[in-house]
Amino acid sequence: LRKVGLRHVRDGRFYEADAALYAID
C-alpha cells in the first residue's frame, strides 16, 4: 500500500478485526 502511494490514516476496528486504514486522494 505504501509503495503505491497510500498513507496510513488511522487504526481502528474494520470488518470485525483490528486493522489499519490507508488512503490516497
mmCIF file of all heavy atoms, coordinates in Angstrom:
data_MODEL
# 
_entry.id   MODEL 
# 
loop_
_atom_site.group_PDB 
_atom_site.id 
_atom_site.type_symbol 
_atom_site.label_atom_id 
_atom_site.label_alt_id 
_atom_site.label_comp_id 
_atom_site.label_asym_id 
_atom_site.label_entity_id 
_atom_site.label_seq_id 
_atom_site.pdbx_PDB_ins_code 
_atom_site.Cartn_x 
_atom_site.Cartn_y 
_atom_site.Cartn_z 
_atom_site.occupancy 
_atom_site.B_iso_or_equiv 
_atom_site.pdbx_formal_charge 
_atom_site.auth_seq_id 
_atom_site.auth_comp_id 
_atom_site.auth_asym_id 
_atom_site.auth_atom_id 
_atom_site.pdbx_PDB_model_num 
ATOM 1   N N   . LEU A 1 1  ? 0.826   -1.207  0.000  1.00 0.00 ? 1  LEU A N   1 
ATOM 2   C CA  . LEU A 1 1  ? 0.000   0.000   0.000  1.00 0.00 ? 1  LEU A CA  1 
ATOM 3   C C   . LEU A 1 1  ? 0.861   1.258   0.000  1.00 0.00 ? 1  LEU A C   1 
ATOM 4   O O   . LEU A 1 1  ? 0.583   2.201   -0.742 1.00 0.00 ? 1  LEU A O   1 
ATOM 5   C CB  . LEU A 1 1  ? -0.939  0.001   1.210  1.00 0.00 ? 1  LEU A CB  1 
ATOM 6   C CG  . LEU A 1 1  ? -1.997  -1.108  1.208  1.00 0.00 ? 1  LEU A CG  1 
ATOM 7   C CD1 . LEU A 1 1  ? -2.792  -1.080  2.496  1.00 0.00 ? 1  LEU A CD1 1 
ATOM 8   C CD2 . LEU A 1 1  ? -2.904  -1.002  0.002  1.00 0.00 ? 1  LEU A CD2 1 
ATOM 9   N N   . ARG A 1 2  ? 1.904   1.271   0.806  1.00 0.00 ? 2  ARG A N   1 
ATOM 10  C CA  . ARG A 1 2  ? 2.797   2.433   0.831  1.00 0.00 ? 2  ARG A CA  1 
ATOM 11  C C   . ARG A 1 2  ? 3.513   2.610   -0.511 1.00 0.00 ? 2  ARG A C   1 
ATOM 12  O O   . ARG A 1 2  ? 3.682   3.733   -0.987 1.00 0.00 ? 2  ARG A O   1 
ATOM 13  C CB  . ARG A 1 2  ? 3.798   2.311   1.976  1.00 0.00 ? 2  ARG A CB  1 
ATOM 14  C CG  . ARG A 1 2  ? 3.164   2.502   3.357  1.00 0.00 ? 2  ARG A CG  1 
ATOM 15  C CD  . ARG A 1 2  ? 4.201   2.620   4.459  1.00 0.00 ? 2  ARG A CD  1 
ATOM 16  N NE  . ARG A 1 2  ? 5.075   1.460   4.525  1.00 0.00 ? 2  ARG A NE  1 
ATOM 17  C CZ  . ARG A 1 2  ? 4.853   0.384   5.269  1.00 0.00 ? 2  ARG A CZ  1 
ATOM 18  N NH1 . ARG A 1 2  ? 3.752   0.308   6.004  1.00 0.00 ? 2  ARG A NH1 1 
ATOM 19  N NH2 . ARG A 1 2  ? 5.712   -0.615  5.291  1.00 0.00 ? 2  ARG A NH2 1 
ATOM 20  N N   . LYS A 1 3  ? 3.930   1.502   -1.119 1.00 0.00 ? 3  LYS A N   1 
ATOM 21  C CA  . LYS A 1 3  ? 4.626   1.578   -2.411 1.00 0.00 ? 3  LYS A CA  1 
ATOM 22  C C   . LYS A 1 3  ? 3.771   2.231   -3.493 1.00 0.00 ? 3  LYS A C   1 
ATOM 23  O O   . LYS A 1 3  ? 4.294   2.905   -4.372 1.00 0.00 ? 3  LYS A O   1 
ATOM 24  C CB  . LYS A 1 3  ? 5.022   0.178   -2.898 1.00 0.00 ? 3  LYS A CB  1 
ATOM 25  C CG  . LYS A 1 3  ? 6.262   -0.370  -2.294 1.00 0.00 ? 3  LYS A CG  1 
ATOM 26  C CD  . LYS A 1 3  ? 6.566   -1.707  -2.946 1.00 0.00 ? 3  LYS A CD  1 
ATOM 27  C CE  . LYS A 1 3  ? 7.817   -2.332  -2.443 1.00 0.00 ? 3  LYS A CE  1 
ATOM 28  N NZ  . LYS A 1 3  ? 8.088   -3.617  -3.115 1.00 0.00 ? 3  LYS A NZ  1 
ATOM 29  N N   . VAL A 1 4  ? 2.466   1.993   -3.449 1.00 0.00 ? 4  VAL A N   1 
ATOM 30  C CA  . VAL A 1 4  ? 1.595   2.558   -4.488 1.00 0.00 ? 4  VAL A CA  1 
ATOM 31  C C   . VAL A 1 4  ? 0.976   3.889   -4.069 1.00 0.00 ? 4  VAL A C   1 
ATOM 32  O O   . VAL A 1 4  ? 0.079   4.389   -4.733 1.00 0.00 ? 4  VAL A O   1 
ATOM 33  C CB  . VAL A 1 4  ? 0.517   1.546   -4.956 1.00 0.00 ? 4  VAL A CB  1 
ATOM 34  C CG1 . VAL A 1 4  ? 1.177   0.316   -5.541 1.00 0.00 ? 4  VAL A CG1 1 
ATOM 35  C CG2 . VAL A 1 4  ? -0.450  1.187   -3.852 1.00 0.00 ? 4  VAL A CG2 1 
ATOM 36  N N   . GLY A 1 5  ? 1.481   4.454   -2.968 1.00 0.00 ? 5  GLY A N   1 
ATOM 37  C CA  . GLY A 1 5  ? 1.100   5.808   -2.607 1.00 0.00 ? 5  GLY A CA  1 
ATOM 38  C C   . GLY A 1 5  ? 0.078   5.981   -1.509 1.00 0.00 ? 5  GLY A C   1 
ATOM 39  O O   . GLY A 1 5  ? -0.243  7.116   -1.148 1.00 0.00 ? 5  GLY A O   1 
ATOM 40  N N   . LEU A 1 6  ? -0.485  4.908   -0.986 1.00 0.00 ? 6  LEU A N   1 
ATOM 41  C CA  . LEU A 1 6  ? -1.446  5.065   0.093  1.00 0.00 ? 6  LEU A CA  1 
ATOM 42  C C   . LEU A 1 6  ? -0.711  5.384   1.386  1.00 0.00 ? 6  LEU A C   1 
ATOM 43  O O   . LEU A 1 6  ? 0.411   4.934   1.599  1.00 0.00 ? 6  LEU A O   1 
ATOM 44  C CB  . LEU A 1 6  ? -2.299  3.802   0.269  1.00 0.00 ? 6  LEU A CB  1 
ATOM 45  C CG  . LEU A 1 6  ? -3.457  3.667   -0.722 1.00 0.00 ? 6  LEU A CG  1 
ATOM 46  C CD1 . LEU A 1 6  ? -2.969  3.138   -2.046 1.00 0.00 ? 6  LEU A CD1 1 
ATOM 47  C CD2 . LEU A 1 6  ? -4.537  2.776   -0.158 1.00 0.00 ? 6  LEU A CD2 1 
ATOM 48  N N   . ARG A 1 7  ? -1.353  6.167   2.241  1.00 0.00 ? 7  ARG A N   1 
ATOM 49  C CA  . ARG A 1 7  ? -0.777  6.567   3.516  1.00 0.00 ? 7  ARG A CA  1 
ATOM 50  C C   . ARG A 1 7  ? -1.684  6.122   4.658  1.00 0.00 ? 7  ARG A C   1 
ATOM 51  O O   . ARG A 1 7  ? -2.900  6.100   4.513  1.00 0.00 ? 7  ARG A O   1 
ATOM 52  C CB  . ARG A 1 7  ? -0.608  8.086   3.588  1.00 0.00 ? 7  ARG A CB  1 
ATOM 53  C CG  . ARG A 1 7  ? 0.313   8.632   2.541  1.00 0.00 ? 7  ARG A CG  1 
ATOM 54  C CD  . ARG A 1 7  ? 1.761   8.276   2.856  1.00 0.00 ? 7  ARG A CD  1 
ATOM 55  N NE  . ARG A 1 7  ? 2.660   8.689   1.804  1.00 0.00 ? 7  ARG A NE  1 
ATOM 56  C CZ  . ARG A 1 7  ? 3.405   7.852   1.087  1.00 0.00 ? 7  ARG A CZ  1 
ATOM 57  N NH1 . ARG A 1 7  ? 3.364   6.567   1.303  1.00 0.00 ? 7  ARG A NH1 1 
ATOM 58  N NH2 . ARG A 1 7  ? 4.199   8.305   0.147  1.00 0.00 ? 7  ARG A NH2 1 
ATOM 59  N N   . HIS A 1 8  ? -1.052  5.807   5.774  1.00 0.00 ? 8  HIS A N   1 
ATOM 60  C CA  . HIS A 1 8  ? -1.798  5.393   6.962  1.00 0.00 ? 8  HIS A CA  1 
ATOM 61  C C   . HIS A 1 8  ? -2.664  6.556   7.441  1.00 0.00 ? 8  HIS A C   1 
ATOM 62  O O   . HIS A 1 8  ? -2.183  7.673   7.591  1.00 0.00 ? 8  HIS A O   1 
ATOM 63  C CB  . HIS A 1 8  ? -0.820  4.965   8.058  1.00 0.00 ? 8  HIS A CB  1 
ATOM 64  C CG  . HIS A 1 8  ? -1.494  4.513   9.296  1.00 0.00 ? 8  HIS A CG  1 
ATOM 65  N ND1 . HIS A 1 8  ? -1.656  5.341   10.374 1.00 0.00 ? 8  HIS A ND1 1 
ATOM 66  C CD2 . HIS A 1 8  ? -2.054  3.326   9.623  1.00 0.00 ? 8  HIS A CD2 1 
ATOM 67  C CE1 . HIS A 1 8  ? -2.295  4.679   11.320 1.00 0.00 ? 8  HIS A CE1 1 
ATOM 68  N NE2 . HIS A 1 8  ? -2.545  3.449   10.892 1.00 0.00 ? 8  HIS A NE2 1 
ATOM 69  N N   . VAL A 1 9  ? -3.950  6.278   7.639  1.00 0.00 ? 9  VAL A N   1 
ATOM 70  C CA  . VAL A 1 9  ? -4.889  7.299   8.101  1.00 0.00 ? 9  VAL A CA  1 
ATOM 71  C C   . VAL A 1 9  ? -5.164  7.115   9.588  1.00 0.00 ? 9  VAL A C   1 
ATOM 72  O O   . VAL A 1 9  ? -5.060  8.052   10.370 1.00 0.00 ? 9  VAL A O   1 
ATOM 73  C CB  . VAL A 1 9  ? -6.215  7.245   7.299  1.00 0.00 ? 9  VAL A CB  1 
ATOM 74  C CG1 . VAL A 1 9  ? -7.243  8.204   7.871  1.00 0.00 ? 9  VAL A CG1 1 
ATOM 75  C CG2 . VAL A 1 9  ? -5.951  7.526   5.832  1.00 0.00 ? 9  VAL A CG2 1 
ATOM 76  N N   . ARG A 1 10 ? -5.540  5.903   9.956  1.00 0.00 ? 10 ARG A N   1 
ATOM 77  C CA  . ARG A 1 10 ? -5.829  5.629   11.363 1.00 0.00 ? 10 ARG A CA  1 
ATOM 78  C C   . ARG A 1 10 ? -5.960  4.140   11.597 1.00 0.00 ? 10 ARG A C   1 
ATOM 79  O O   . ARG A 1 10 ? -6.174  3.367   10.658 1.00 0.00 ? 10 ARG A O   1 
ATOM 80  C CB  . ARG A 1 10 ? -7.090  6.341   11.817 1.00 0.00 ? 10 ARG A CB  1 
ATOM 81  C CG  . ARG A 1 10 ? -8.377  5.807   11.196 1.00 0.00 ? 10 ARG A CG  1 
ATOM 82  C CD  . ARG A 1 10 ? -9.577  6.607   11.711 1.00 0.00 ? 10 ARG A CD  1 
ATOM 83  N NE  . ARG A 1 10 ? -10.790 6.210   11.048 1.00 0.00 ? 10 ARG A NE  1 
ATOM 84  C CZ  . ARG A 1 10 ? -11.636 5.287   11.505 1.00 0.00 ? 10 ARG A CZ  1 
ATOM 85  N NH1 . ARG A 1 10 ? -11.409 4.677   12.639 1.00 0.00 ? 10 ARG A NH1 1 
ATOM 86  N NH2 . ARG A 1 10 ? -12.733 4.989   10.830 1.00 0.00 ? 10 ARG A NH2 1 
ATOM 87  N N   . ASP A 1 11 ? -5.821  3.765   12.838 1.00 0.00 ? 11 ASP A N   1 
ATOM 88  C CA  . ASP A 1 11 ? -6.081  2.397   13.258 1.00 0.00 ? 11 ASP A CA  1 
ATOM 89  C C   . ASP A 1 11 ? -7.502  2.333   13.791 1.00 0.00 ? 11 ASP A C   1 
ATOM 90  O O   . ASP A 1 11 ? -8.044  3.333   14.264 1.00 0.00 ? 11 ASP A O   1 
ATOM 91  C CB  . ASP A 1 11 ? -5.101  1.968   14.353 1.00 0.00 ? 11 ASP A CB  1 
ATOM 92  C CG  . ASP A 1 11 ? -3.671  1.900   13.854 1.00 0.00 ? 11 ASP A CG  1 
ATOM 93  O OD1 . ASP A 1 11 ? -3.482  1.555   12.679 1.00 0.00 ? 11 ASP A OD1 1 
ATOM 94  O OD2 . ASP A 1 11 ? -2.758  2.191   14.642 1.00 0.00 ? 11 ASP A OD2 1 
ATOM 95  N N   . GLY A 1 12 ? -8.102  1.181   13.697 1.00 0.00 ? 12 GLY A N   1 
ATOM 96  C CA  . GLY A 1 12 ? -9.460  1.034   14.205 1.00 0.00 ? 12 GLY A CA  1 
ATOM 97  C C   . GLY A 1 12 ? -9.939  -0.392  14.045 1.00 0.00 ? 12 GLY A C   1 
ATOM 98  O O   . GLY A 1 12 ? -9.167  -1.313  13.786 1.00 0.00 ? 12 GLY A O   1 
ATOM 99  N N   . ARG A 1 13 ? -11.236 -0.545  14.189 1.00 0.00 ? 13 ARG A N   1 
ATOM 100 C CA  . ARG A 1 13 ? -11.855 -1.854  14.039 1.00 0.00 ? 13 ARG A CA  1 
ATOM 101 C C   . ARG A 1 13 ? -12.645 -1.830  12.738 1.00 0.00 ? 13 ARG A C   1 
ATOM 102 O O   . ARG A 1 13 ? -13.586 -1.052  12.583 1.00 0.00 ? 13 ARG A O   1 
ATOM 103 C CB  . ARG A 1 13 ? -12.764 -2.147  15.221 1.00 0.00 ? 13 ARG A CB  1 
ATOM 104 C CG  . ARG A 1 13 ? -13.264 -3.549  15.235 1.00 0.00 ? 13 ARG A CG  1 
ATOM 105 C CD  . ARG A 1 13 ? -13.145 -4.131  16.639 1.00 0.00 ? 13 ARG A CD  1 
ATOM 106 N NE  . ARG A 1 13 ? -13.631 -5.495  16.651 1.00 0.00 ? 13 ARG A NE  1 
ATOM 107 C CZ  . ARG A 1 13 ? -12.826 -6.537  16.577 1.00 0.00 ? 13 ARG A CZ  1 
ATOM 108 N NH1 . ARG A 1 13 ? -11.531 -6.376  16.521 1.00 0.00 ? 13 ARG A NH1 1 
ATOM 109 N NH2 . ARG A 1 13 ? -13.312 -7.758  16.581 1.00 0.00 ? 13 ARG A NH2 1 
ATOM 110 N N   . PHE A 1 14 ? -12.223 -2.649  11.787 1.00 0.00 ? 14 PHE A N   1 
ATOM 111 C CA  . PHE A 1 14 ? -12.851 -2.716  10.470 1.00 0.00 ? 14 PHE A CA  1 
ATOM 112 C C   . PHE A 1 14 ? -13.161 -4.170  10.153 1.00 0.00 ? 14 PHE A C   1 
ATOM 113 O O   . PHE A 1 14 ? -12.300 -5.033  10.313 1.00 0.00 ? 14 PHE A O   1 
ATOM 114 C CB  . PHE A 1 14 ? -11.913 -2.155  9.390  1.00 0.00 ? 14 PHE A CB  1 
ATOM 115 C CG  . PHE A 1 14 ? -11.429 -0.758  9.673  1.00 0.00 ? 14 PHE A CG  1 
ATOM 116 C CD1 . PHE A 1 14 ? -10.228 -0.542  10.312 1.00 0.00 ? 14 PHE A CD1 1 
ATOM 117 C CD2 . PHE A 1 14 ? -12.194 0.335   9.306  1.00 0.00 ? 14 PHE A CD2 1 
ATOM 118 C CE1 . PHE A 1 14 ? -9.768  0.739   10.570 1.00 0.00 ? 14 PHE A CE1 1 
ATOM 119 C CE2 . PHE A 1 14 ? -11.752 1.629   9.554  1.00 0.00 ? 14 PHE A CE2 1 
ATOM 120 C CZ  . PHE A 1 14 ? -10.541 1.821   10.193 1.00 0.00 ? 14 PHE A CZ  1 
ATOM 121 N N   . TYR A 1 15 ? -14.352 -4.428  9.688  1.00 0.00 ? 15 TYR A N   1 
ATOM 122 C CA  . TYR A 1 15 ? -14.746 -5.787  9.306  1.00 0.00 ? 15 TYR A CA  1 
ATOM 123 C C   . TYR A 1 15 ? -14.463 -6.779  10.432 1.00 0.00 ? 15 TYR A C   1 
ATOM 124 O O   . TYR A 1 15 ? -13.923 -7.860  10.218 1.00 0.00 ? 15 TYR A O   1 
ATOM 125 C CB  . TYR A 1 15 ? -14.048 -6.218  8.005  1.00 0.00 ? 15 TYR A CB  1 
ATOM 126 C CG  . TYR A 1 15 ? -14.260 -5.250  6.883  1.00 0.00 ? 15 TYR A CG  1 
ATOM 127 C CD1 . TYR A 1 15 ? -13.251 -4.381  6.488  1.00 0.00 ? 15 TYR A CD1 1 
ATOM 128 C CD2 . TYR A 1 15 ? -15.488 -5.164  6.248  1.00 0.00 ? 15 TYR A CD2 1 
ATOM 129 C CE1 . TYR A 1 15 ? -13.452 -3.465  5.479  1.00 0.00 ? 15 TYR A CE1 1 
ATOM 130 C CE2 . TYR A 1 15 ? -15.706 -4.255  5.233  1.00 0.00 ? 15 TYR A CE2 1 
ATOM 131 C CZ  . TYR A 1 15 ? -14.688 -3.407  4.852  1.00 0.00 ? 15 TYR A CZ  1 
ATOM 132 O OH  . TYR A 1 15 ? -14.899 -2.498  3.845  1.00 0.00 ? 15 TYR A OH  1 
ATOM 133 N N   . GLU A 1 16 ? -14.793 -6.364  11.645 1.00 0.00 ? 16 GLU A N   1 
ATOM 134 C CA  . GLU A 1 16 ? -14.663 -7.194  12.839 1.00 0.00 ? 16 GLU A CA  1 
ATOM 135 C C   . GLU A 1 16 ? -13.224 -7.587  13.153 1.00 0.00 ? 16 GLU A C   1 
ATOM 136 O O   . GLU A 1 16 ? -12.964 -8.623  13.744 1.00 0.00 ? 16 GLU A O   1 
ATOM 137 C CB  . GLU A 1 16 ? -15.559 -8.427  12.738 1.00 0.00 ? 16 GLU A CB  1 
ATOM 138 C CG  . GLU A 1 16 ? -17.025 -8.066  12.572 1.00 0.00 ? 16 GLU A CG  1 
ATOM 139 C CD  . GLU A 1 16 ? -17.927 -9.275  12.448 1.00 0.00 ? 16 GLU A CD  1 
ATOM 140 O OE1 . GLU A 1 16 ? -17.493 -10.385 12.771 1.00 0.00 ? 16 GLU A OE1 1 
ATOM 141 O OE2 . GLU A 1 16 ? -19.070 -9.085  12.023 1.00 0.00 ? 16 GLU A OE2 1 
ATOM 142 N N   . ALA A 1 17 ? -12.260 -6.763  12.744 1.00 0.00 ? 17 ALA A N   1 
ATOM 143 C CA  . ALA A 1 17 ? -10.846 -7.028  13.039 1.00 0.00 ? 17 ALA A CA  1 
ATOM 144 C C   . ALA A 1 17 ? -10.142 -5.719  13.350 1.00 0.00 ? 17 ALA A C   1 
ATOM 145 O O   . ALA A 1 17 ? -10.471 -4.672  12.786 1.00 0.00 ? 17 ALA A O   1 
ATOM 146 C CB  . ALA A 1 17 ? -10.177 -7.701  11.845 1.00 0.00 ? 17 ALA A CB  1 
ATOM 147 N N   . ASP A 1 18 ? -9.168  -5.787  14.239 1.00 0.00 ? 18 ASP A N   1 
ATOM 148 C CA  . ASP A 1 18 ? -8.322  -4.627  14.479 1.00 0.00 ? 18 ASP A CA  1 
ATOM 149 C C   . ASP A 1 18 ? -7.425  -4.470  13.262 1.00 0.00 ? 18 ASP A C   1 
ATOM 150 O O   . ASP A 1 18 ? -6.749  -5.417  12.850 1.00 0.00 ? 18 ASP A O   1 
ATOM 151 C CB  . ASP A 1 18 ? -7.485  -4.833  15.739 1.00 0.00 ? 18 ASP A CB  1 
ATOM 152 C CG  . ASP A 1 18 ? -8.338  -4.817  16.995 1.00 0.00 ? 18 ASP A CG  1 
ATOM 153 O OD1 . ASP A 1 18 ? -9.340  -4.074  17.028 1.00 0.00 ? 18 ASP A OD1 1 
ATOM 154 O OD2 . ASP A 1 18 ? -8.024  -5.555  17.939 1.00 0.00 ? 18 ASP A OD2 1 
ATOM 155 N N   . ALA A 1 19 ? -7.440  -3.294  12.663 1.00 0.00 ? 19 ALA A N   1 
ATOM 156 C CA  . ALA A 1 19 ? -6.735  -3.104  11.402 1.00 0.00 ? 19 ALA A CA  1 
ATOM 157 C C   . ALA A 1 19 ? -6.357  -1.641  11.229 1.00 0.00 ? 19 ALA A C   1 
ATOM 158 O O   . ALA A 1 19 ? -6.653  -0.800  12.076 1.00 0.00 ? 19 ALA A O   1 
ATOM 159 C CB  . ALA A 1 19 ? -7.613  -3.567  10.243 1.00 0.00 ? 19 ALA A CB  1 
ATOM 160 N N   . ALA A 1 20 ? -5.693  -1.358  10.119 1.00 0.00 ? 20 ALA A N   1 
ATOM 161 C CA  . ALA A 1 20 ? -5.288  0.000   9.768  1.00 0.00 ? 20 ALA A CA  1 
ATOM 162 C C   . ALA A 1 20 ? -5.991  0.422   8.490  1.00 0.00 ? 20 ALA A C   1 
ATOM 163 O O   . ALA A 1 20 ? -6.154  -0.375  7.564  1.00 0.00 ? 20 ALA A O   1 
ATOM 164 C CB  . ALA A 1 20 ? -3.777  0.061   9.574  1.00 0.00 ? 20 ALA A CB  1 
ATOM 165 N N   . LEU A 1 21 ? -6.375  1.668   8.454  1.00 0.00 ? 21 LEU A N   1 
ATOM 166 C CA  . LEU A 1 21 ? -6.996  2.255   7.271  1.00 0.00 ? 21 LEU A CA  1 
ATOM 167 C C   . LEU A 1 21 ? -5.927  3.063   6.537  1.00 0.00 ? 21 LEU A C   1 
ATOM 168 O O   . LEU A 1 21 ? -5.240  3.893   7.138  1.00 0.00 ? 21 LEU A O   1 
ATOM 169 C CB  . LEU A 1 21 ? -8.149  3.171   7.672  1.00 0.00 ? 21 LEU A CB  1 
ATOM 170 C CG  . LEU A 1 21 ? -8.829  3.940   6.536  1.00 0.00 ? 21 LEU A CG  1 
ATOM 171 C CD1 . LEU A 1 21 ? -9.621  2.988   5.659  1.00 0.00 ? 21 LEU A CD1 1 
ATOM 172 C CD2 . LEU A 1 21 ? -9.727  5.026   7.093  1.00 0.00 ? 21 LEU A CD2 1 
ATOM 173 N N   . TYR A 1 22 ? -5.783  2.806   5.252  1.00 0.00 ? 22 TYR A N   1 
ATOM 174 C CA  . TYR A 1 22 ? -4.863  3.529   4.377  1.00 0.00 ? 22 TYR A CA  1 
ATOM 175 C C   . TYR A 1 22 ? -5.698  4.230   3.317  1.00 0.00 ? 22 TYR A C   1 
ATOM 176 O O   . TYR A 1 22 ? -6.762  3.748   2.942  1.00 0.00 ? 22 TYR A O   1 
ATOM 177 C CB  . TYR A 1 22 ? -3.880  2.577   3.708  1.00 0.00 ? 22 TYR A CB  1 
ATOM 178 C CG  . TYR A 1 22 ? -2.743  2.139   4.596  1.00 0.00 ? 22 TYR A CG  1 
ATOM 179 C CD1 . TYR A 1 22 ? -2.946  1.249   5.635  1.00 0.00 ? 22 TYR A CD1 1 
ATOM 180 C CD2 . TYR A 1 22 ? -1.462  2.635   4.396  1.00 0.00 ? 22 TYR A CD2 1 
ATOM 181 C CE1 . TYR A 1 22 ? -1.894  0.856   6.448  1.00 0.00 ? 22 TYR A CE1 1 
ATOM 182 C CE2 . TYR A 1 22 ? -0.416  2.246   5.209  1.00 0.00 ? 22 TYR A CE2 1 
ATOM 183 C CZ  . TYR A 1 22 ? -0.640  1.356   6.228  1.00 0.00 ? 22 TYR A CZ  1 
ATOM 184 O OH  . TYR A 1 22 ? 0.402   0.977   7.032  1.00 0.00 ? 22 TYR A OH  1 
ATOM 185 N N   . ALA A 1 23 ? -5.185  5.345   2.796  1.00 0.00 ? 23 ALA A N   1 
ATOM 186 C CA  . ALA A 1 23 ? -5.940  6.084   1.765  1.00 0.00 ? 23 ALA A CA  1 
ATOM 187 C C   . ALA A 1 23 ? -4.984  6.865   0.879  1.00 0.00 ? 23 ALA A C   1 
ATOM 188 O O   . ALA A 1 23 ? -3.862  7.186   1.266  1.00 0.00 ? 23 ALA A O   1 
ATOM 189 C CB  . ALA A 1 23 ? -6.936  7.029   2.405  1.00 0.00 ? 23 ALA A CB  1 
ATOM 190 N N   . ILE A 1 24 ? -5.496  7.161   -0.313 1.00 0.00 ? 24 ILE A N   1 
ATOM 191 C CA  . ILE A 1 24 ? -4.812  8.059   -1.241 1.00 0.00 ? 24 ILE A CA  1 
ATOM 192 C C   . ILE A 1 24 ? -5.889  8.894   -1.903 1.00 0.00 ? 24 ILE A C   1 
ATOM 193 O O   . ILE A 1 24 ? -6.959  8.400   -2.275 1.00 0.00 ? 24 ILE A O   1 
ATOM 194 C CB  . ILE A 1 24 ? -3.972  7.285   -2.284 1.00 0.00 ? 24 ILE A CB  1 
ATOM 195 C CG1 . ILE A 1 24 ? -3.175  8.240   -3.162 1.00 0.00 ? 24 ILE A CG1 1 
ATOM 196 C CG2 . ILE A 1 24 ? -4.820  6.331   -3.105 1.00 0.00 ? 24 ILE A CG2 1 
ATOM 197 C CD1 . ILE A 1 24 ? -2.160  7.547   -4.066 1.00 0.00 ? 24 ILE A CD1 1 
ATOM 198 N N   . ASP A 1 25 ? -5.628  10.197  -1.995 1.00 0.00 ? 25 ASP A N   1 
ATOM 199 C CA  . ASP A 1 25 ? -6.554  11.119  -2.651 1.00 0.00 ? 25 ASP A CA  1 
ATOM 200 C C   . ASP A 1 25 ? -6.049  11.435  -4.044 1.00 0.00 ? 25 ASP A C   1 
ATOM 201 O O   . ASP A 1 25 ? -4.840  11.448  -4.286 1.00 0.00 ? 25 ASP A O   1 
ATOM 202 C CB  . ASP A 1 25 ? -6.674  12.407  -1.838 1.00 0.00 ? 25 ASP A CB  1 
ATOM 203 C CG  . ASP A 1 25 ? -7.321  12.175  -0.488 1.00 0.00 ? 25 ASP A CG  1 
ATOM 204 O OD1 . ASP A 1 25 ? -8.379  11.510  -0.443 1.00 0.00 ? 25 ASP A OD1 1 
ATOM 205 O OD2 . ASP A 1 25 ? -6.761  12.634  0.524  1.00 0.00 ? 25 ASP A OD2 1 
# 
